[in-house]
Amino acid sequence: MTYKMRRLVRKAKKTGLAWRFGTNLVPTVRFLMRKNGQTGLETEIVRKLDADGIASVSVHDLDTFCRYDRLERYANELLTSRNVEVSRLKEKVNEDPSIGQKSFNLEMLGSELSYDAEDIFARFALSPSFLNIANSYFRMLTRLRYYNIWYTAASSVQARESQLWHFDREDRHILKVFLYLNDVDNGSGPFTYAPATHKKGQFGSIAPAYFDENGVRRTTDEQMAAVYPVSKWNISTGKAGTVIFADTSGFHKGGEARTNDRLMFTCMYTSPASESKQLLHVPRDLNIAQLTTAQLWALGLR
């Protein structure tokens, strides 16, 4: 099969009916057979995601299995333990604008990790609210692809990589969660989104001009403003504890910190059939007795 034919096949698999009732039939049916365990707040978040592709809430209002202050404490301990690497990042952030390295950002847990049921970050990623929202948004049992703590250093060099407008292509829908662990203002690189540009949205077909950045399509603020008014951009500033849910198949950018650094927990959910790289590895000897059906599917164990 030629490269062009492979691209056409991958594209066809992401069309609505083929994606849902072809490659994702079983997780769709299993979701529809389950009782609706959503809270009123979770239902409202999914409604906003359907319409706009983005929703935000305080972490204190969600059922996250464990307390936010514990996650915050562990994140700060992690920050202390990796102080040398953070200092090096801050020193080099303006000296190494290499494309493809995301040199303004440090993945505090490493680029790939092994699932640990006792880990506070894993427990948040598999929390009831996060999974309820992800599964209800997709209308299927979803897969957790990764979770991590990101440290983003303020820089003064030209915006690059994910600091520029783009959309993710790994799946028809891609739900990312961003939990701020410090206050994020306009100078801290807030997550920024163009509402309703996801595949469910009324502006899902917009096509701003772009340039090629090392094989990846990137769009500048000026190019985006030409097709989507700046007044409609959702700039997600917020206090520590703010949670942002976003379907990143819509246009977005983030991490353009200029005056303050940003510390953030993040995780990502896709359909089980997604071509997204699996950055979370599950041990073969994992005790699954305490896991719910939704958690088993999220870890790829069903």
Protein backbone atom coordinates (compact mmCIF):
# COMPACT_ATOMS: atom_id res chain seq x y z
CA MET A 1 0.00 0.00 0.00
CA THR A 2 1.38 3.41 -0.99
CA TYR A 3 1.85 6.27 1.45
CA LYS A 4 -1.03 8.16 -0.16
CA MET A 5 -3.35 5.18 0.18
CA ARG A 6 -2.37 4.69 3.83
CA ARG A 7 -3.22 8.34 4.51
CA LEU A 8 -6.63 7.92 2.86
CA VAL A 9 -7.34 4.80 4.93
CA ARG A 10 -6.38 6.58 8.18
CA LYS A 11 -8.56 9.55 7.23
CA ALA A 12 -11.52 7.28 6.43
CA LYS A 13 -11.23 5.60 9.85
CA LYS A 14 -11.74 8.99 11.52
CA THR A 15 -15.00 9.78 9.72
CA GLY A 16 -17.96 9.76 12.09
CA LEU A 17 -19.68 6.41 11.44
CA ALA A 18 -16.52 4.42 10.67
CA TRP A 19 -14.77 5.81 13.75
CA ARG A 20 -17.64 5.04 16.12
CA PHE A 21 -19.26 1.90 14.74
CA GLY A 22 -16.24 0.42 13.05
CA THR A 23 -13.01 0.79 14.98
CA ASN A 24 -14.69 1.78 18.29
CA LEU A 25 -17.86 -0.32 18.25
CA VAL A 26 -17.21 -2.35 21.42
CA PRO A 27 -16.27 0.59 23.72
CA THR A 28 -19.28 2.49 22.35
CA VAL A 29 -21.69 -0.37 23.11
CA ARG A 30 -20.15 -0.97 26.54
CA PHE A 31 -20.59 2.72 27.38
CA LEU A 32 -24.23 2.75 26.25
CA MET A 33 -24.96 -0.30 28.43
CA ARG A 34 -23.68 1.45 31.57
CA LYS A 35 -25.81 3.48 33.97
CA ASN A 36 -25.35 7.22 33.78
CA GLY A 37 -23.31 8.04 36.88
CA GLN A 38 -22.64 11.68 36.01
CA THR A 39 -23.16 14.50 38.46
CA GLY A 40 -24.96 17.63 37.37
CA LEU A 41 -21.64 19.49 37.10
CA GLU A 42 -20.10 16.77 34.94
CA THR A 43 -23.14 16.87 32.64
CA GLU A 44 -22.75 20.64 32.29
CA ILE A 45 -19.04 20.29 31.49
CA VAL A 46 -19.81 17.75 28.75
CA ARG A 47 -22.51 20.05 27.36
CA LYS A 48 -19.96 22.89 27.12
CA LEU A 49 -17.41 20.57 25.53
CA ASP A 50 -19.95 19.47 22.92
CA ALA A 51 -20.74 23.07 22.00
CA ASP A 52 -17.42 24.88 22.48
CA GLY A 53 -14.73 22.20 22.82
CA ILE A 54 -13.60 23.72 26.13
CA ALA A 55 -14.87 23.99 29.71
CA SER A 56 -13.26 24.94 33.02
CA VAL A 57 -14.09 24.43 36.69
CA SER A 58 -12.46 24.42 40.11
CA VAL A 59 -10.88 21.10 41.05
CA HIS A 60 -12.57 21.38 44.44
CA ASP A 61 -15.96 20.86 42.79
CA LEU A 62 -15.00 17.53 41.19
CA ASP A 63 -14.91 13.98 42.54
CA THR A 64 -11.20 13.33 42.05
CA PHE A 65 -10.74 10.39 44.44
CA CYS A 66 -8.14 12.23 46.50
CA ARG A 67 -7.56 15.73 47.77
CA TYR A 68 -6.08 18.42 45.55
CA ASP A 69 -3.80 19.62 48.36
CA ARG A 70 -2.09 16.20 48.33
CA LEU A 71 -1.44 16.43 44.61
CA GLU A 72 -0.17 19.98 45.04
CA ARG A 73 2.17 18.89 47.85
CA TYR A 74 3.58 15.97 45.85
CA ALA A 75 4.06 18.21 42.81
CA ASN A 76 6.03 20.71 44.90
CA GLU A 77 8.15 17.89 46.35
CA LEU A 78 8.82 16.74 42.80
CA LEU A 79 9.78 20.28 41.88
CA THR A 80 12.28 20.36 44.73
CA SER A 81 13.77 16.98 43.82
CA ARG A 82 14.32 18.11 40.22
CA ASN A 83 15.57 21.55 41.12
CA VAL A 84 18.81 21.16 39.14
CA GLU A 85 16.96 20.32 35.92
CA VAL A 86 14.47 23.14 36.45
CA SER A 87 17.32 25.61 36.99
CA ARG A 88 19.02 24.37 33.84
CA LEU A 89 15.76 24.78 31.89
CA LYS A 90 15.36 28.37 33.08
CA GLU A 91 18.97 29.19 32.21
CA LYS A 92 18.80 27.72 28.69
CA VAL A 93 15.24 28.59 27.68
CA ASN A 94 16.31 31.65 25.68
CA GLU A 95 19.49 30.08 24.32
CA ASP A 96 18.10 26.93 22.70
CA PRO A 97 14.99 27.62 20.61
CA SER A 98 15.42 24.25 18.86
CA ILE A 99 12.31 23.12 17.00
CA GLY A 100 11.09 19.70 18.06
CA GLN A 101 12.63 19.83 21.54
CA LYS A 102 10.02 22.00 23.31
CA SER A 103 12.96 23.46 25.20
CA PHE A 104 10.69 25.77 27.24
CA ASN A 105 8.95 22.82 28.89
CA LEU A 106 10.09 20.07 31.29
CA GLU A 107 8.10 16.85 31.74
CA MET A 108 8.62 16.35 35.45
CA LEU A 109 7.68 12.63 35.41
CA GLY A 110 9.74 11.84 32.31
CA SER A 111 8.56 11.39 28.72
CA GLU A 112 7.24 7.85 29.34
CA LEU A 113 6.11 6.32 32.63
CA SER A 114 4.85 3.13 34.17
CA TYR A 115 1.44 3.09 35.84
CA ASP A 116 1.56 2.90 39.64
CA ALA A 117 -1.80 2.48 41.39
CA GLU A 118 -0.48 4.27 44.49
CA ASP A 119 0.83 7.26 42.59
CA ILE A 120 -1.15 10.44 43.30
CA PHE A 121 -0.88 11.61 39.70
CA ALA A 122 -2.17 8.29 38.33
CA ARG A 123 -5.08 8.42 40.76
CA PHE A 124 -6.06 11.86 39.52
CA ALA A 125 -5.89 10.76 35.87
CA LEU A 126 -8.18 7.80 36.67
CA SER A 127 -10.48 9.76 38.98
CA PRO A 128 -14.25 9.26 38.68
CA SER A 129 -14.95 12.78 37.43
CA PHE A 130 -12.21 12.81 34.79
CA LEU A 131 -13.34 9.44 33.40
CA ASN A 132 -17.04 10.31 33.60
CA ILE A 133 -16.42 13.47 31.61
CA ALA A 134 -14.10 11.82 29.06
CA ASN A 135 -16.38 8.82 28.49
CA SER A 136 -19.54 10.92 28.26
CA TYR A 137 -17.91 13.37 25.85
CA PHE A 138 -16.72 10.56 23.56
CA ARG A 139 -19.90 8.49 24.17
CA MET A 140 -17.64 5.49 24.64
CA LEU A 141 -15.16 4.04 27.15
CA THR A 142 -11.95 5.94 26.53
CA ARG A 143 -8.22 5.26 26.82
CA LEU A 144 -5.83 7.22 29.04
CA ARG A 145 -2.72 7.94 26.95
CA TYR A 146 -0.55 9.78 29.46
CA TYR A 147 -0.40 11.98 32.53
CA ASN A 148 2.42 14.24 33.63
CA ILE A 149 3.49 17.37 35.46
CA TRP A 150 4.71 20.12 33.15
CA TYR A 151 7.02 22.92 34.22
CA THR A 152 7.01 25.75 31.67
CA ALA A 153 9.72 28.37 31.94
CA ALA A 154 9.16 32.00 30.95
CA SER A 155 11.11 33.00 27.85
CA SER A 156 11.64 36.02 25.63
CA VAL A 157 12.35 34.33 22.28
CA GLN A 158 9.86 34.15 19.44
CA ALA A 159 6.85 31.86 19.95
CA ARG A 160 7.43 28.35 18.61
CA GLU A 161 5.98 24.83 18.55
CA SER A 162 2.91 24.45 20.79
CA GLN A 163 3.08 28.17 21.64
CA LEU A 164 1.65 28.71 18.14
CA TRP A 165 -1.87 27.82 16.98
CA HIS A 166 -2.38 24.23 15.87
CA PHE A 167 -4.77 21.31 16.25
CA ASP A 168 -4.05 17.70 17.23
CA ARG A 169 -4.65 14.89 14.75
CA GLU A 170 -4.23 11.62 16.67
CA ASP A 171 -7.96 10.95 16.82
CA ARG A 172 -11.36 12.32 15.86
CA HIS A 173 -11.70 13.75 19.38
CA ILE A 174 -8.84 14.26 21.84
CA LEU A 175 -9.67 15.31 25.38
CA LYS A 176 -6.87 16.91 27.35
CA VAL A 177 -7.09 18.02 30.96
CA PHE A 178 -4.96 20.84 32.34
CA LEU A 179 -4.88 21.43 36.10
CA TYR A 180 -3.04 24.59 37.14
CA LEU A 181 -0.79 24.10 40.16
CA ASN A 182 0.05 27.78 40.44
CA ASP A 183 -1.84 30.96 39.56
CA VAL A 184 -1.74 31.50 35.78
CA ASP A 185 -2.15 35.00 34.38
CA ASN A 186 -1.60 36.34 30.87
CA GLY A 187 2.16 36.30 31.42
CA SER A 188 2.27 32.65 32.53
CA GLY A 189 1.45 30.98 29.22
CA PRO A 190 -2.28 30.31 29.68
CA PHE A 191 -3.96 27.65 27.57
CA THR A 192 -5.71 29.46 24.71
CA TYR A 193 -8.47 28.00 22.58
CA ALA A 194 -10.65 28.97 19.62
CA PRO A 195 -14.09 27.79 20.80
CA ALA A 196 -16.20 25.60 18.50
CA THR A 197 -13.31 24.83 16.12
CA HIS A 198 -13.36 21.15 17.20
CA LYS A 199 -15.09 18.58 15.00
CA LYS A 200 -18.38 18.91 16.91
CA GLY A 201 -18.29 22.71 16.70
CA GLN A 202 -19.88 25.15 14.28
CA PHE A 203 -16.46 26.46 13.24
CA GLY A 204 -14.87 23.04 12.82
CA SER A 205 -14.11 23.68 9.15
CA ILE A 206 -12.12 26.92 9.51
CA ALA A 207 -8.79 26.83 7.71
CA PRO A 208 -6.42 29.63 8.73
CA ALA A 209 -3.20 30.18 6.85
CA TYR A 210 -0.22 28.32 8.26
CA PHE A 211 3.48 27.77 7.81
CA ASP A 212 5.52 24.60 7.99
CA GLU A 213 7.58 24.30 11.17
CA ASN A 214 9.78 21.26 10.75
CA GLY A 215 6.96 19.23 9.20
CA VAL A 216 4.18 20.53 11.50
CA ARG A 217 1.52 23.08 10.53
CA ARG A 218 1.64 26.16 12.74
CA THR A 219 -0.49 29.31 12.65
CA THR A 220 0.47 32.72 14.04
CA ASP A 221 -1.85 35.01 16.01
CA GLU A 222 -2.18 37.25 12.96
CA GLN A 223 -3.12 34.34 10.70
CA MET A 224 -5.70 33.07 13.21
CA ALA A 225 -7.18 36.54 13.73
CA ALA A 226 -7.79 36.80 10.00
CA VAL A 227 -10.38 33.99 10.15
CA TYR A 228 -11.41 33.89 13.82
CA PRO A 229 -11.92 37.11 15.86
CA VAL A 230 -9.52 37.73 18.75
CA SER A 231 -12.52 38.73 20.88
CA LYS A 232 -13.74 35.12 20.78
CA TRP A 233 -10.46 33.51 21.87
CA ASN A 234 -10.75 31.70 25.20
CA ILE A 235 -7.65 32.66 27.21
CA SER A 236 -7.75 30.37 30.24
CA THR A 237 -6.16 32.32 33.05
CA GLY A 238 -7.01 31.10 36.53
CA LYS A 239 -6.02 30.44 40.11
CA ALA A 240 -4.21 27.31 41.25
CA GLY A 241 -6.78 24.52 41.21
CA THR A 242 -8.37 25.58 37.93
CA VAL A 243 -9.14 22.59 35.70
CA ILE A 244 -9.51 23.02 31.94
CA PHE A 245 -11.05 20.33 29.73
CA ALA A 246 -10.41 20.81 26.02
CA ASP A 247 -10.89 18.84 22.82
CA THR A 248 -7.58 19.62 21.16
CA SER A 249 -8.82 18.59 17.73
CA GLY A 250 -9.85 22.27 17.84
CA PHE A 251 -7.35 25.10 17.34
CA HIS A 252 -5.35 25.93 20.44
CA LYS A 253 -1.98 27.05 21.76
CA GLY A 254 -0.32 27.40 25.16
CA GLY A 255 2.87 27.70 27.15
CA GLU A 256 3.91 31.11 25.85
CA ALA A 257 5.05 32.22 29.30
CA ARG A 258 6.72 35.62 29.28
CA THR A 259 6.84 36.88 32.87
CA ASN A 260 6.03 33.93 35.15
CA ASP A 261 6.71 30.19 35.06
CA ARG A 262 3.83 27.70 35.00
CA LEU A 263 3.39 24.39 36.85
CA MET A 264 0.58 22.16 35.62
CA PHE A 265 -0.79 18.61 35.81
CA THR A 266 -2.02 17.26 32.50
CA CYS A 267 -3.49 14.06 31.08
CA MET A 268 -5.02 12.96 27.78
CA TYR A 269 -7.87 10.64 26.72
CA THR A 270 -8.64 9.28 23.26
CA SER A 271 -10.76 6.55 21.75
CA PRO A 272 -9.28 3.05 22.21
CA ALA A 273 -8.63 2.85 18.44
CA SER A 274 -6.60 6.05 18.32
CA GLU A 275 -3.20 6.05 16.64
CA SER A 276 -1.85 8.16 19.50
CA LYS A 277 1.44 6.98 20.95
CA GLN A 278 0.99 5.17 24.26
CA LEU A 279 3.28 6.94 26.72
CA LEU A 280 1.81 5.17 29.76
CA HIS A 281 2.91 1.58 30.26
CA VAL A 282 0.94 -0.81 32.46
CA PRO A 283 2.85 -3.52 34.40
CA ARG A 284 1.83 -7.07 33.54
CA ASP A 285 1.54 -8.03 37.21
CA LEU A 286 -0.81 -5.16 38.08
CA ASN A 287 -3.49 -6.12 40.60
CA ILE A 288 -6.72 -5.17 38.84
CA ALA A 289 -9.13 -6.28 41.58
CA GLN A 290 -9.73 -2.72 42.81
CA LEU A 291 -10.14 -1.14 39.37
CA THR A 292 -13.53 -0.18 37.94
CA THR A 293 -14.60 -1.11 34.41
CA ALA A 294 -13.94 2.46 33.25
CA GLN A 295 -10.43 2.37 34.75
CA LEU A 296 -9.67 -1.00 33.16
CA TRP A 297 -10.63 0.37 29.75
CA ALA A 298 -8.64 3.54 30.38
CA LEU A 299 -5.53 1.45 31.02
CA GLY A 300 -6.10 -0.74 27.96
CA LEU A 301 -6.87 -3.82 30.03
CA ARG A 302 -10.20 -4.51 28.30
